[in-house]
Amino acid sequence: MINRRTAERIIPSQSVLVKEDTGEIINYYHLKDISVGGMYLLKKISSKTETNSTYTFLVPGIMDNSIVGDVYETRLDGNGNYGTAVRFSNEKEAETFISVIKKL
């Protein structure tokens, strides 16, 4: 398998809860990993009607800020965990969230 990822992938050292707000429904998921390009949420179930959502990381220091992302695909990871890949709309905004998550 070819690794197409160009940005460093950060795996949080502790559990990070992510709130998704679609404008109609609010859901909560656990963050598996994150990079400037996007993130992988464990057990997120996506529908074909989803376009983009606002994501908030429930971590002190960044809980008042959100980032917009689009569902890329739902799949099993290499460990058999079901989840969904999300692509961020603005990679520059992602850097703030990543710097806080790295310090956990």
Protein backbone atom coordinates (compact mmCIF):
# COMPACT_ATOMS: atom_id res chain seq x y z
CA MET A 1 0.00 0.00 0.00
CA ILE A 2 1.37 3.41 -0.97
CA ASN A 3 1.30 6.11 1.69
CA ARG A 4 -0.16 9.18 -0.01
CA ARG A 5 0.02 11.23 3.18
CA THR A 6 2.40 14.17 3.01
CA ALA A 7 1.64 15.77 6.40
CA GLU A 8 2.65 14.36 9.78
CA ARG A 9 -0.11 12.34 11.46
CA ILE A 10 -0.53 13.03 15.19
CA ILE A 11 -1.99 10.35 17.46
CA PRO A 12 -3.19 11.95 20.71
CA SER A 13 -1.58 10.59 23.89
CA GLN A 14 -4.95 10.73 25.66
CA SER A 15 -8.56 10.46 24.58
CA VAL A 16 -9.87 13.48 22.65
CA LEU A 17 -13.60 13.90 22.19
CA VAL A 18 -14.73 15.68 19.01
CA LYS A 19 -18.14 17.32 18.66
CA GLU A 20 -19.61 17.36 15.17
CA ASP A 21 -22.35 19.86 14.32
CA THR A 22 -24.03 19.34 10.95
CA GLY A 23 -26.46 22.22 11.48
CA GLU A 24 -29.21 19.69 12.16
CA ILE A 25 -27.59 17.07 14.39
CA ILE A 26 -24.80 17.13 16.97
CA ASN A 27 -22.72 13.96 17.42
CA TYR A 28 -19.63 13.07 19.47
CA TYR A 29 -16.70 10.89 18.40
CA HIS A 30 -13.22 9.94 19.54
CA LEU A 31 -10.24 11.26 17.58
CA LYS A 32 -7.91 8.52 16.37
CA ASP A 33 -5.43 10.79 14.55
CA ILE A 34 -5.12 14.24 13.01
CA SER A 35 -2.96 16.06 10.46
CA VAL A 36 -3.21 19.44 8.75
CA GLY A 37 -5.15 17.74 5.96
CA GLY A 38 -7.78 16.07 8.11
CA MET A 39 -8.57 13.57 10.84
CA TYR A 40 -9.84 10.06 11.45
CA LEU A 41 -12.82 9.71 13.80
CA LEU A 42 -13.61 6.37 15.39
CA LYS A 43 -17.07 4.92 14.73
CA LYS A 44 -18.49 7.87 12.85
CA ILE A 45 -21.33 6.81 10.59
CA SER A 46 -21.71 9.10 7.61
CA SER A 47 -24.51 9.46 5.14
CA LYS A 48 -24.38 10.44 1.50
CA THR A 49 -26.34 13.62 2.28
CA GLU A 50 -23.55 15.05 4.44
CA THR A 51 -21.56 17.81 2.83
CA ASN A 52 -19.60 19.48 5.58
CA SER A 53 -19.78 19.82 9.33
CA THR A 54 -18.24 21.96 12.02
CA TYR A 55 -15.92 20.09 14.39
CA THR A 56 -14.98 21.20 17.91
CA PHE A 57 -12.24 19.47 19.91
CA LEU A 58 -13.31 19.17 23.54
CA VAL A 59 -9.87 20.01 24.91
CA PRO A 60 -9.05 22.99 27.19
CA GLY A 61 -7.61 25.89 25.22
CA ILE A 62 -9.34 25.13 21.91
CA MET A 63 -12.93 24.32 22.91
CA ASP A 64 -14.12 27.80 21.88
CA ASN A 65 -12.90 27.30 18.30
CA SER A 66 -14.15 25.02 15.52
CA ILE A 67 -12.98 23.83 12.13
CA VAL A 68 -14.99 22.87 9.04
CA GLY A 69 -14.44 19.51 7.38
CA ASP A 70 -15.96 17.22 4.77
CA VAL A 71 -16.44 13.47 5.10
CA TYR A 72 -13.98 11.79 2.74
CA GLU A 73 -14.75 8.12 3.35
CA THR A 74 -15.83 5.61 5.96
CA ARG A 75 -13.59 2.55 6.35
CA LEU A 76 -11.85 0.07 8.60
CA ASP A 77 -8.35 1.05 9.67
CA GLY A 78 -5.40 -1.35 9.83
CA ASN A 79 -6.45 -2.52 13.31
CA GLY A 80 -10.02 -3.37 12.33
CA ASN A 81 -11.49 -0.20 13.88
CA TYR A 82 -14.42 1.34 12.05
CA GLY A 83 -14.22 5.08 11.48
CA THR A 84 -14.48 7.99 9.08
CA ALA A 85 -11.83 10.11 7.42
CA VAL A 86 -12.58 13.85 7.39
CA ARG A 87 -10.79 16.41 5.22
CA PHE A 88 -10.39 19.92 6.57
CA SER A 89 -11.49 22.85 4.43
CA ASN A 90 -8.65 25.06 5.71
CA GLU A 91 -5.31 23.39 6.50
CA LYS A 92 -3.90 26.58 8.04
CA GLU A 93 -6.66 26.58 10.69
CA ALA A 94 -5.85 22.96 11.54
CA GLU A 95 -2.35 23.89 12.73
CA THR A 96 -3.73 25.57 15.89
CA PHE A 97 -5.68 22.47 16.89
CA ILE A 98 -2.77 20.15 16.11
CA SER A 99 -0.33 22.14 18.26
CA VAL A 100 -2.63 21.81 21.29
CA ILE A 101 -3.33 18.11 20.69
CA LYS A 102 0.42 17.40 20.35
CA LYS A 103 0.98 18.78 23.88
CA LEU A 104 -1.58 16.46 25.54
